[in-house]
Amino acid sequence: MGDKLFDKIRGALYGVAVGDALGGPLEFMSKEEIIKSYGEVREIIGGGWLSLKPGETTDDTAMTLAVARGIATQPDDPLYAVGKNFIDWFNSEPKDIGNTCQEAIEIALQLAGDEQIPSSDKWIKAAVELSDRNNHRSGGNGALMRTVYPGLFYNDREKACDVAVQIGDMTHADELSDKLVSIYTELVYDMVRNGSVDECLGIVLKLIEEKKLKDKLPPGLKSSGWCADSMKVSLHYLVSKSSFEDTIVAAVNEGGDSDTVGAVCGGLAGALYGFECIPERWVKTLSPTLSAELERLSQSAFDSEY
């Protein structure tokens, strides 16, 4: 069980990064534009509106790592450590940051004042204030895209979901986002710890039914900045494809918010299939620094006594 569990933990974390890197160059392109320009993208090519280098990742991976570092550092109550990591990343002037995340961080910093690092309650207050300002449209992808690690690190399923939702609420005060973050965490938690691929796919389908998830997701497939769309595209290809590569390729070639769909779907597919099923050519495009951090955080989750 130990080797298999570690392989799936690694798979989920690396899955986020390679899905992000594969989808990043296609962000904001339509499915039709991708077909016209590339046919089908199966390689990590770089480029796109962010002029990414092959293997370079975006805010999806950066915020996933910020969450993971915070949990590994301060697992009992990680919000302060996660928040500090968000601010350090924000201050690094990243080339890509979502509007909701940026505005929530700015409000939280204002509320913190001389404290510099906001307390947990000020993060939540900032997100609620932002939701009021934007007419309760904080249901974007920013919380869902970074939520893979709690389900890997915590050995208690309820604790993992509680932490994931709390971290999501630091920037995205939205009921549907909370629900999908919780469901995503349950899926990751169960898939890394239980059975064969077929058994894990059964877990996915059962959870979709139990949570009446189909009623919460929009009709059709559309890759967008809305968390419900990203979850639906990810789940659709997770259950309809039969390999890690085919799942992620199909998801990112939908276009739209393709880096986020790649990251969200990559975390799920990595938890389902494991690291050994991720194409080696994709993993090799990631920077040695990023790979080293993914290894370290994978080991921390595997060793966790929480």
C-alpha atoms as a PDB file:
ATOM      1  CA  MET A   1       0.000   0.000   0.000  1.00  0.00           C
ATOM      2  CA  GLY A   2       2.857   2.359   0.867  1.00  0.00           C
ATOM      3  CA  ASP A   3       4.454   2.443  -2.572  1.00  0.00           C
ATOM      4  CA  LYS A   4       1.066   2.735  -4.287  1.00  0.00           C
ATOM      5  CA  LEU A   5      -0.058   5.531  -1.963  1.00  0.00           C
ATOM      6  CA  PHE A   6       3.133   7.515  -2.535  1.00  0.00           C
ATOM      7  CA  ASP A   7       2.816   7.036  -6.300  1.00  0.00           C
ATOM      8  CA  LYS A   8      -0.726   8.427  -6.230  1.00  0.00           C
ATOM      9  CA  ILE A   9       0.221  11.372  -4.015  1.00  0.00           C
ATOM     10  CA  ARG A  10       3.032  12.230  -6.426  1.00  0.00           C
ATOM     11  CA  GLY A  11       0.664  11.706  -9.318  1.00  0.00           C
ATOM     12  CA  ALA A  12      -1.853  14.197  -7.968  1.00  0.00           C
ATOM     13  CA  LEU A  13       0.742  16.919  -7.318  1.00  0.00           C
ATOM     14  CA  TYR A  14       2.631  16.434 -10.560  1.00  0.00           C
ATOM     15  CA  GLY A  15      -0.718  16.145 -12.334  1.00  0.00           C
ATOM     16  CA  VAL A  16      -1.595  19.706 -11.361  1.00  0.00           C
ATOM     17  CA  ALA A  17       1.729  21.011 -12.669  1.00  0.00           C
ATOM     18  CA  VAL A  18       1.850  19.156 -15.992  1.00  0.00           C
ATOM     19  CA  GLY A  19      -1.846  19.858 -16.648  1.00  0.00           C
ATOM     20  CA  ASP A  20      -1.213  23.538 -16.013  1.00  0.00           C
ATOM     21  CA  ALA A  21       1.879  23.538 -18.265  1.00  0.00           C
ATOM     22  CA  LEU A  22       0.053  21.698 -21.057  1.00  0.00           C
ATOM     23  CA  GLY A  23      -2.993  23.951 -20.930  1.00  0.00           C
ATOM     24  CA  GLY A  24      -1.318  27.300 -20.244  1.00  0.00           C
ATOM     25  CA  PRO A  25      -0.412  28.098 -23.866  1.00  0.00           C
ATOM     26  CA  LEU A  26      -4.022  27.453 -24.941  1.00  0.00           C
ATOM     27  CA  GLU A  27      -5.658  29.762 -22.398  1.00  0.00           C
ATOM     28  CA  PHE A  28      -8.358  32.025 -23.880  1.00  0.00           C
ATOM     29  CA  MET A  29      -8.343  30.162 -27.200  1.00  0.00           C
ATOM     30  CA  SER A  30     -11.577  28.530 -28.327  1.00  0.00           C
ATOM     31  CA  LYS A  31     -11.732  24.841 -29.127  1.00  0.00           C
ATOM     32  CA  GLU A  32     -12.095  25.752 -32.791  1.00  0.00           C
ATOM     33  CA  GLU A  33      -9.068  28.064 -32.705  1.00  0.00           C
ATOM     34  CA  ILE A  34      -6.956  25.300 -31.163  1.00  0.00           C
ATOM     35  CA  ILE A  35      -7.989  22.860 -33.873  1.00  0.00           C
ATOM     36  CA  LYS A  36      -7.205  25.420 -36.588  1.00  0.00           C
ATOM     37  CA  SER A  37      -3.797  26.318 -35.124  1.00  0.00           C
ATOM     38  CA  TYR A  38      -2.589  22.965 -33.810  1.00  0.00           C
ATOM     39  CA  GLY A  39      -5.028  20.206 -34.647  1.00  0.00           C
ATOM     40  CA  GLU A  40      -4.674  18.685 -31.182  1.00  0.00           C
ATOM     41  CA  VAL A  41      -2.120  19.673 -28.562  1.00  0.00           C
ATOM     42  CA  ARG A  42      -0.484  16.621 -26.962  1.00  0.00           C
ATOM     43  CA  GLU A  43       2.879  18.181 -26.111  1.00  0.00           C
ATOM     44  CA  ILE A  44       3.889  20.911 -23.676  1.00  0.00           C
ATOM     45  CA  ILE A  45       4.722  23.546 -26.254  1.00  0.00           C
ATOM     46  CA  GLY A  46       4.937  26.847 -24.376  1.00  0.00           C
ATOM     47  CA  GLY A  47       3.771  30.157 -25.826  1.00  0.00           C
ATOM     48  CA  GLY A  48       0.273  31.576 -25.527  1.00  0.00           C
ATOM     49  CA  TRP A  49      -0.709  35.005 -24.241  1.00  0.00           C
ATOM     50  CA  LEU A  50       1.705  34.668 -21.308  1.00  0.00           C
ATOM     51  CA  SER A  51       4.643  33.707 -23.577  1.00  0.00           C
ATOM     52  CA  LEU A  52       5.286  30.661 -21.417  1.00  0.00           C
ATOM     53  CA  LYS A  53       8.438  28.614 -21.777  1.00  0.00           C
ATOM     54  CA  PRO A  54       7.778  24.905 -22.360  1.00  0.00           C
ATOM     55  CA  GLY A  55       7.131  23.466 -18.904  1.00  0.00           C
ATOM     56  CA  GLU A  56       6.480  26.831 -17.289  1.00  0.00           C
ATOM     57  CA  THR A  57       3.412  26.882 -15.051  1.00  0.00           C
ATOM     58  CA  THR A  58       0.963  29.605 -14.037  1.00  0.00           C
ATOM     59  CA  ASP A  59      -0.895  30.837 -10.969  1.00  0.00           C
ATOM     60  CA  ASP A  60      -2.662  27.476 -10.635  1.00  0.00           C
ATOM     61  CA  THR A  61       0.535  25.674  -9.682  1.00  0.00           C
ATOM     62  CA  ALA A  62       1.938  28.641  -7.759  1.00  0.00           C
ATOM     63  CA  MET A  63      -1.100  28.832  -5.485  1.00  0.00           C
ATOM     64  CA  THR A  64      -1.259  25.046  -5.133  1.00  0.00           C
ATOM     65  CA  LEU A  65       2.322  25.130  -3.868  1.00  0.00           C
ATOM     66  CA  ALA A  66       1.533  28.046  -1.540  1.00  0.00           C
ATOM     67  CA  VAL A  67      -1.288  26.005  -0.005  1.00  0.00           C
ATOM     68  CA  ALA A  68       0.821  22.855   0.238  1.00  0.00           C
ATOM     69  CA  ARG A  69       3.759  24.625   1.891  1.00  0.00           C
ATOM     70  CA  GLY A  70       1.431  26.248   4.405  1.00  0.00           C
ATOM     71  CA  ILE A  71      -0.221  22.963   5.344  1.00  0.00           C
ATOM     72  CA  ALA A  72       3.100  21.127   5.613  1.00  0.00           C
ATOM     73  CA  THR A  73       4.503  23.937   7.800  1.00  0.00           C
ATOM     74  CA  GLN A  74       1.526  24.487  10.093  1.00  0.00           C
ATOM     75  CA  PRO A  75      -0.881  21.536   9.694  1.00  0.00           C
ATOM     76  CA  ASP A  76      -2.993  22.134  12.817  1.00  0.00           C
ATOM     77  CA  ASP A  77      -4.168  25.567  11.643  1.00  0.00           C
ATOM     78  CA  PRO A  78      -2.612  26.371   8.273  1.00  0.00           C
ATOM     79  CA  LEU A  79      -4.458  29.542   7.256  1.00  0.00           C
ATOM     80  CA  TYR A  80      -1.851  31.967   8.597  1.00  0.00           C
ATOM     81  CA  ALA A  81       1.018  30.122   6.885  1.00  0.00           C
ATOM     82  CA  VAL A  82      -0.955  29.747   3.656  1.00  0.00           C
ATOM     83  CA  GLY A  83      -1.828  33.452   3.764  1.00  0.00           C
ATOM     84  CA  LYS A  84       1.809  34.419   4.215  1.00  0.00           C
ATOM     85  CA  ASN A  85       2.675  32.304   1.182  1.00  0.00           C
ATOM     86  CA  PHE A  86      -0.077  33.966  -0.855  1.00  0.00           C
ATOM     87  CA  ILE A  87       1.323  37.387   0.042  1.00  0.00           C
ATOM     88  CA  ASP A  88       4.926  36.392  -0.707  1.00  0.00           C
ATOM     89  CA  TRP A  89       3.793  35.151  -4.105  1.00  0.00           C
ATOM     90  CA  PHE A  90       1.670  38.263  -4.709  1.00  0.00           C
ATOM     91  CA  ASN A  91       4.661  40.482  -3.850  1.00  0.00           C
ATOM     92  CA  SER A  92       6.820  38.602  -6.348  1.00  0.00           C
ATOM     93  CA  GLU A  93       4.738  40.235  -9.110  1.00  0.00           C
ATOM     94  CA  PRO A  94       3.727  37.035 -10.908  1.00  0.00           C
ATOM     95  CA  LYS A  95       2.903  37.318 -14.592  1.00  0.00           C
ATOM     96  CA  ASP A  96      -0.471  35.640 -14.010  1.00  0.00           C
ATOM     97  CA  ILE A  97      -2.902  36.188 -11.131  1.00  0.00           C
ATOM     98  CA  GLY A  98      -6.693  35.916 -11.159  1.00  0.00           C
ATOM     99  CA  ASN A  99      -8.736  39.029 -10.471  1.00  0.00           C
ATOM    100  CA  THR A 100     -10.592  37.601  -7.472  1.00  0.00           C
ATOM    101  CA  CYS A 101      -7.396  36.330  -5.857  1.00  0.00           C
ATOM    102  CA  GLN A 102      -5.611  39.630  -6.461  1.00  0.00           C
ATOM    103  CA  GLU A 103      -8.443  41.752  -5.072  1.00  0.00           C
ATOM    104  CA  ALA A 104      -8.960  39.501  -2.048  1.00  0.00           C
ATOM    105  CA  ILE A 105      -5.251  39.635  -1.195  1.00  0.00           C
ATOM    106  CA  GLU A 106      -5.230  43.421  -1.547  1.00  0.00           C
ATOM    107  CA  ILE A 107      -8.268  43.790   0.748  1.00  0.00           C
ATOM    108  CA  ALA A 108      -6.776  41.374   3.287  1.00  0.00           C
ATOM    109  CA  LEU A 109      -3.548  43.392   3.354  1.00  0.00           C
ATOM    110  CA  GLN A 110      -5.525  46.590   3.920  1.00  0.00           C
ATOM    111  CA  LEU A 111      -7.396  44.972   6.798  1.00  0.00           C
ATOM    112  CA  ALA A 112      -4.143  43.677   8.304  1.00  0.00           C
ATOM    113  CA  GLY A 113      -2.608  47.168   8.443  1.00  0.00           C
ATOM    114  CA  ASP A 114       0.553  47.193  10.527  1.00  0.00           C
ATOM    115  CA  GLU A 115       0.252  43.467  11.187  1.00  0.00           C
ATOM    116  CA  GLN A 116       1.391  42.908   7.560  1.00  0.00           C
ATOM    117  CA  ILE A 117       0.210  39.278   7.539  1.00  0.00           C
ATOM    118  CA  PRO A 118      -3.583  39.063   7.912  1.00  0.00           C
ATOM    119  CA  SER A 119      -5.079  36.847  10.589  1.00  0.00           C
ATOM    120  CA  SER A 120      -7.440  34.062   9.540  1.00  0.00           C
ATOM    121  CA  ASP A 121     -10.560  36.062  10.341  1.00  0.00           C
ATOM    122  CA  LYS A 122      -9.324  39.004   8.256  1.00  0.00           C
ATOM    123  CA  TRP A 123      -8.824  36.752   5.250  1.00  0.00           C
ATOM    124  CA  ILE A 124     -12.408  35.554   5.558  1.00  0.00           C
ATOM    125  CA  LYS A 125     -13.648  39.100   6.096  1.00  0.00           C
ATOM    126  CA  ALA A 126     -11.768  40.244   2.989  1.00  0.00           C
ATOM    127  CA  ALA A 127     -13.324  37.527   0.839  1.00  0.00           C
ATOM    128  CA  VAL A 128     -16.828  38.339   2.087  1.00  0.00           C
ATOM    129  CA  GLU A 129     -16.256  42.047   1.459  1.00  0.00           C
ATOM    130  CA  LEU A 130     -15.065  41.270  -2.077  1.00  0.00           C
ATOM    131  CA  SER A 131     -18.109  39.079  -2.711  1.00  0.00           C
ATOM    132  CA  ASP A 132     -20.348  41.971  -1.658  1.00  0.00           C
ATOM    133  CA  ARG A 133     -18.447  44.326  -3.962  1.00  0.00           C
ATOM    134  CA  ASN A 134     -18.680  42.049  -6.998  1.00  0.00           C
ATOM    135  CA  ASN A 135     -22.371  41.285  -6.528  1.00  0.00           C
ATOM    136  CA  HIS A 136     -21.672  37.772  -5.220  1.00  0.00           C
ATOM    137  CA  ARG A 137     -19.723  36.630  -8.258  1.00  0.00           C
ATOM    138  CA  SER A 138     -16.803  35.016  -6.435  1.00  0.00           C
ATOM    139  CA  GLY A 139     -17.467  31.586  -7.911  1.00  0.00           C
ATOM    140  CA  GLY A 140     -14.435  31.626 -10.177  1.00  0.00           C
ATOM    141  CA  ASN A 141     -11.767  28.944 -10.433  1.00  0.00           C
ATOM    142  CA  GLY A 142      -9.296  30.451  -7.970  1.00  0.00           C
ATOM    143  CA  ALA A 143     -10.188  28.284  -4.980  1.00  0.00           C
ATOM    144  CA  LEU A 144     -10.834  25.026  -6.830  1.00  0.00           C
ATOM    145  CA  MET A 145      -7.606  25.216  -8.825  1.00  0.00           C
ATOM    146  CA  ARG A 146      -5.374  25.150  -5.726  1.00  0.00           C
ATOM    147  CA  THR A 147      -7.179  22.589  -3.617  1.00  0.00           C
ATOM    148  CA  VAL A 148      -5.443  19.245  -4.249  1.00  0.00           C
ATOM    149  CA  TYR A 149      -3.165  19.103  -1.194  1.00  0.00           C
ATOM    150  CA  PRO A 150      -5.533  18.779   1.805  1.00  0.00           C
ATOM    151  CA  GLY A 151      -6.861  15.477   0.443  1.00  0.00           C
ATOM    152  CA  LEU A 152      -3.281  14.220   0.123  1.00  0.00           C
ATOM    153  CA  PHE A 153      -1.923  15.423   3.459  1.00  0.00           C
ATOM    154  CA  TYR A 154      -4.691  14.817   6.005  1.00  0.00           C
ATOM    155  CA  ASN A 155      -5.535  11.261   6.966  1.00  0.00           C
ATOM    156  CA  ASP A 156      -8.972  12.274   8.232  1.00  0.00           C
ATOM    157  CA  ARG A 157     -11.406  12.857   5.368  1.00  0.00           C
ATOM    158  CA  GLU A 158     -13.544  15.407   7.246  1.00  0.00           C
ATOM    159  CA  LYS A 159     -10.482  17.368   8.360  1.00  0.00           C
ATOM    160  CA  ALA A 160      -9.188  17.453   4.782  1.00  0.00           C
ATOM    161  CA  CYS A 161     -12.489  18.849   3.502  1.00  0.00           C
ATOM    162  CA  ASP A 162     -12.779  21.409   6.310  1.00  0.00           C
ATOM    163  CA  VAL A 163      -9.264  22.734   5.695  1.00  0.00           C
ATOM    164  CA  ALA A 164      -9.779  22.841   1.923  1.00  0.00           C
ATOM    165  CA  VAL A 165     -12.980  24.874   2.257  1.00  0.00           C
ATOM    166  CA  GLN A 166     -11.410  27.254   4.794  1.00  0.00           C
ATOM    167  CA  ILE A 167      -8.482  27.894   2.453  1.00  0.00           C
ATOM    168  CA  GLY A 168     -10.865  28.408  -0.450  1.00  0.00           C
ATOM    169  CA  ASP A 169     -12.814  30.921   1.625  1.00  0.00           C
ATOM    170  CA  MET A 170      -9.698  33.041   2.097  1.00  0.00           C
ATOM    171  CA  THR A 171     -10.326  34.534  -1.349  1.00  0.00           C
ATOM    172  CA  HIS A 172     -13.543  33.047  -2.739  1.00  0.00           C
ATOM    173  CA  ALA A 173     -16.618  33.488  -0.529  1.00  0.00           C
ATOM    174  CA  ASP A 174     -19.033  31.488  -2.640  1.00  0.00           C
ATOM    175  CA  GLU A 175     -21.357  28.634  -1.722  1.00  0.00           C
ATOM    176  CA  LEU A 176     -20.941  26.642  -4.941  1.00  0.00           C
ATOM    177  CA  SER A 177     -17.169  27.056  -4.889  1.00  0.00           C
ATOM    178  CA  ASP A 178     -17.161  25.721  -1.309  1.00  0.00           C
ATOM    179  CA  LYS A 179     -19.245  22.736  -2.364  1.00  0.00           C
ATOM    180  CA  LEU A 180     -17.021  21.877  -5.323  1.00  0.00           C
ATOM    181  CA  VAL A 181     -13.831  22.354  -3.285  1.00  0.00           C
ATOM    182  CA  SER A 182     -15.213  19.904  -0.731  1.00  0.00           C
ATOM    183  CA  ILE A 183     -16.243  17.366  -3.380  1.00  0.00           C
ATOM    184  CA  TYR A 184     -12.886  17.680  -5.141  1.00  0.00           C
ATOM    185  CA  THR A 185     -11.118  17.026  -1.847  1.00  0.00           C
ATOM    186  CA  GLU A 186     -13.259  13.966  -1.168  1.00  0.00           C
ATOM    187  CA  LEU A 187     -12.445  12.607  -4.602  1.00  0.00           C
ATOM    188  CA  VAL A 188      -8.714  13.144  -4.212  1.00  0.00           C
ATOM    189  CA  TYR A 189      -8.748  11.689  -0.691  1.00  0.00           C
ATOM    190  CA  ASP A 190     -10.612   8.556  -1.772  1.00  0.00           C
ATOM    191  CA  MET A 191      -8.777   7.959  -5.042  1.00  0.00           C
ATOM    192  CA  VAL A 192      -5.280   8.075  -3.563  1.00  0.00           C
ATOM    193  CA  ARG A 193      -6.222   5.620  -0.816  1.00  0.00           C
ATOM    194  CA  ASN A 194      -8.594   3.141  -2.436  1.00  0.00           C
ATOM    195  CA  GLY A 195      -8.299   0.355  -4.920  1.00  0.00           C
ATOM    196  CA  SER A 196      -7.850  -0.049  -8.617  1.00  0.00           C
ATOM    197  CA  VAL A 197      -8.645   2.439 -11.371  1.00  0.00           C
ATOM    198  CA  ASP A 198     -12.036   0.797 -11.908  1.00  0.00           C
ATOM    199  CA  GLU A 199     -12.819   0.964  -8.193  1.00  0.00           C
ATOM    200  CA  CYS A 200     -11.763   4.599  -8.055  1.00  0.00           C
ATOM    201  CA  LEU A 201     -13.912   5.494 -11.047  1.00  0.00           C
ATOM    202  CA  GLY A 202     -16.779   3.850  -9.194  1.00  0.00           C
ATOM    203  CA  ILE A 203     -16.045   6.187  -6.272  1.00  0.00           C
ATOM    204  CA  VAL A 204     -16.230   9.165  -8.630  1.00  0.00           C
ATOM    205  CA  LEU A 205     -19.568   8.125 -10.107  1.00  0.00           C
ATOM    206  CA  LYS A 206     -21.022   7.285  -6.702  1.00  0.00           C
ATOM    207  CA  LEU A 207     -19.994  10.649  -5.259  1.00  0.00           C
ATOM    208  CA  ILE A 208     -21.473  12.496  -8.227  1.00  0.00           C
ATOM    209  CA  GLU A 209     -24.748  10.701  -7.582  1.00  0.00           C
ATOM    210  CA  GLU A 210     -24.701  11.089  -3.778  1.00  0.00           C
ATOM    211  CA  LYS A 211     -23.978  14.801  -3.937  1.00  0.00           C
ATOM    212  CA  LYS A 212     -26.504  15.304  -6.755  1.00  0.00           C
ATOM    213  CA  LEU A 213     -23.623  17.006  -8.529  1.00  0.00           C
ATOM    214  CA  LYS A 214     -25.229  16.787 -11.949  1.00  0.00           C
ATOM    215  CA  ASP A 215     -27.918  19.195 -10.743  1.00  0.00           C
ATOM    216  CA  LYS A 216     -25.281  21.748  -9.706  1.00  0.00           C
ATOM    217  CA  LEU A 217     -23.309  21.782 -12.955  1.00  0.00           C
ATOM    218  CA  PRO A 218     -24.254  23.662 -16.133  1.00  0.00           C
ATOM    219  CA  PRO A 219     -25.453  21.778 -19.225  1.00  0.00           C
ATOM    220  CA  GLY A 220     -22.966  20.936 -21.949  1.00  0.00           C
ATOM    221  CA  LEU A 221     -19.185  21.308 -21.837  1.00  0.00           C
ATOM    222  CA  LYS A 222     -17.638  24.748 -21.601  1.00  0.00           C
ATOM    223  CA  SER A 223     -14.189  25.623 -20.324  1.00  0.00           C
ATOM    224  CA  SER A 224     -14.443  28.962 -18.556  1.00  0.00           C
ATOM    225  CA  GLY A 225     -13.328  30.903 -15.510  1.00  0.00           C
ATOM    226  CA  TRP A 226     -16.321  29.602 -13.523  1.00  0.00           C
ATOM    227  CA  CYS A 227     -15.637  26.741 -11.103  1.00  0.00           C
ATOM    228  CA  ALA A 228     -18.721  24.749 -12.146  1.00  0.00           C
ATOM    229  CA  ASP A 229     -17.603  24.642 -15.776  1.00  0.00           C
ATOM    230  CA  SER A 230     -14.078  23.557 -14.862  1.00  0.00           C
ATOM    231  CA  MET A 231     -15.346  20.827 -12.571  1.00  0.00           C
ATOM    232  CA  LYS A 232     -17.705  19.506 -15.216  1.00  0.00           C
ATOM    233  CA  VAL A 233     -15.070  19.370 -17.964  1.00  0.00           C
ATOM    234  CA  SER A 234     -12.651  17.652 -15.552  1.00  0.00           C
ATOM    235  CA  LEU A 235     -15.133  15.026 -14.391  1.00  0.00           C
ATOM    236  CA  HIS A 236     -16.427  14.397 -17.898  1.00  0.00           C
ATOM    237  CA  TYR A 237     -13.025  13.461 -19.253  1.00  0.00           C
ATOM    238  CA  LEU A 238     -11.981  11.687 -16.063  1.00  0.00           C
ATOM    239  CA  VAL A 239     -14.785   9.159 -16.502  1.00  0.00           C
ATOM    240  CA  SER A 240     -14.822   9.008 -20.318  1.00  0.00           C
ATOM    241  CA  LYS A 241     -11.094   8.522 -21.028  1.00  0.00           C
ATOM    242  CA  SER A 242      -8.915   5.593 -20.021  1.00  0.00           C
ATOM    243  CA  SER A 243      -5.443   7.042 -19.436  1.00  0.00           C
ATOM    244  CA  PHE A 244      -3.860  10.026 -17.726  1.00  0.00           C
ATOM    245  CA  GLU A 245      -2.569  11.424 -21.010  1.00  0.00           C
ATOM    246  CA  ASP A 246      -5.835  11.126 -22.919  1.00  0.00           C
ATOM    247  CA  THR A 247      -7.778  12.654 -20.032  1.00  0.00           C
ATOM    248  CA  ILE A 248      -5.630  15.771 -19.762  1.00  0.00           C
ATOM    249  CA  VAL A 249      -5.204  16.219 -23.517  1.00  0.00           C
ATOM    250  CA  ALA A 250      -8.972  16.162 -24.021  1.00  0.00           C
ATOM    251  CA  ALA A 251      -9.572  18.575 -21.141  1.00  0.00           C
ATOM    252  CA  VAL A 252      -7.070  21.268 -22.167  1.00  0.00           C
ATOM    253  CA  ASN A 253      -8.055  21.099 -25.835  1.00  0.00           C
ATOM    254  CA  GLU A 254     -11.464  22.441 -24.818  1.00  0.00           C
ATOM    255  CA  GLY A 255      -9.671  25.813 -24.624  1.00  0.00           C
ATOM    256  CA  GLY A 256     -11.038  28.632 -22.470  1.00  0.00           C
ATOM    257  CA  ASP A 257      -9.460  28.573 -19.016  1.00  0.00           C
ATOM    258  CA  SER A 258      -7.309  25.699 -20.194  1.00  0.00           C
ATOM    259  CA  ASP A 259      -4.470  26.043 -17.680  1.00  0.00           C
ATOM    260  CA  THR A 260      -6.909  25.788 -14.804  1.00  0.00           C
ATOM    261  CA  VAL A 261      -8.864  22.927 -16.360  1.00  0.00           C
ATOM    262  CA  GLY A 262      -5.531  21.184 -16.923  1.00  0.00           C
ATOM    263  CA  ALA A 263      -4.547  21.713 -13.294  1.00  0.00           C
ATOM    264  CA  VAL A 264      -7.920  20.704 -11.836  1.00  0.00           C
ATOM    265  CA  CYS A 265      -8.255  17.675 -14.098  1.00  0.00           C
ATOM    266  CA  GLY A 266      -4.572  16.845 -13.676  1.00  0.00           C
ATOM    267  CA  GLY A 267      -4.897  16.617  -9.909  1.00  0.00           C
ATOM    268  CA  LEU A 268      -7.837  14.235 -10.209  1.00  0.00           C
ATOM    269  CA  ALA A 269      -6.288  12.116 -12.961  1.00  0.00           C
ATOM    270  CA  GLY A 270      -2.992  11.947 -11.093  1.00  0.00           C
ATOM    271  CA  ALA A 271      -4.793  10.719  -7.980  1.00  0.00           C
ATOM    272  CA  LEU A 272      -6.602   8.157 -10.128  1.00  0.00           C
ATOM    273  CA  TYR A 273      -3.710   6.792 -12.211  1.00  0.00           C
ATOM    274  CA  GLY A 274      -0.606   7.697 -10.186  1.00  0.00           C
ATOM    275  CA  PHE A 275       2.718   9.268 -11.094  1.00  0.00           C
ATOM    276  CA  GLU A 276       3.966   6.294 -13.097  1.00  0.00           C
ATOM    277  CA  CYS A 277       1.168   6.878 -15.622  1.00  0.00           C
ATOM    278  CA  ILE A 278       2.116  10.509 -16.304  1.00  0.00           C
ATOM    279  CA  PRO A 279       4.059  10.779 -19.577  1.00  0.00           C
ATOM    280  CA  GLU A 280       7.749  11.070 -18.773  1.00  0.00           C
ATOM    281  CA  ARG A 281       8.239  13.584 -21.586  1.00  0.00           C
ATOM    282  CA  TRP A 282       5.809  15.939 -19.804  1.00  0.00           C
ATOM    283  CA  VAL A 283       7.495  15.579 -16.418  1.00  0.00           C
ATOM    284  CA  LYS A 284      10.885  16.319 -17.968  1.00  0.00           C
ATOM    285  CA  THR A 285       9.703  19.729 -19.180  1.00  0.00           C
ATOM    286  CA  LEU A 286       9.190  20.945 -15.598  1.00  0.00           C
ATOM    287  CA  SER A 287      12.063  22.882 -14.056  1.00  0.00           C
ATOM    288  CA  PRO A 288      14.353  20.974 -11.651  1.00  0.00           C
ATOM    289  CA  THR A 289      13.392  23.459  -8.921  1.00  0.00           C
ATOM    290  CA  LEU A 290       9.694  22.785  -9.361  1.00  0.00           C
ATOM    291  CA  SER A 291      10.205  19.020  -9.533  1.00  0.00           C
ATOM    292  CA  ALA A 292      12.273  19.100  -6.339  1.00  0.00           C
ATOM    293  CA  GLU A 293       9.511  20.954  -4.535  1.00  0.00           C
ATOM    294  CA  LEU A 294       6.847  18.569  -5.804  1.00  0.00           C
ATOM    295  CA  GLU A 295       8.960  15.678  -4.507  1.00  0.00           C
ATOM    296  CA  ARG A 296       9.423  17.295  -1.109  1.00  0.00           C
ATOM    297  CA  LEU A 297       5.743  18.101  -0.695  1.00  0.00           C
ATOM    298  CA  SER A 298       4.752  14.623  -1.858  1.00  0.00           C
ATOM    299  CA  GLN A 299       6.990  13.124   0.803  1.00  0.00           C
ATOM    300  CA  SER A 300       5.536  15.447   3.457  1.00  0.00           C
ATOM    301  CA  ALA A 301       2.024  14.310   2.587  1.00  0.00           C
ATOM    302  CA  PHE A 302       3.041  10.645   2.585  1.00  0.00           C
ATOM    303  CA  ASP A 303       4.761  10.998   5.980  1.00  0.00           C
ATOM    304  CA  SER A 304       1.935  13.026   7.533  1.00  0.00           C
ATOM    305  CA  GLU A 305       0.524  11.802  10.841  1.00  0.00           C
ATOM    306  CA  TYR A 306      -2.416  14.196  10.599  1.00  0.00           C
END
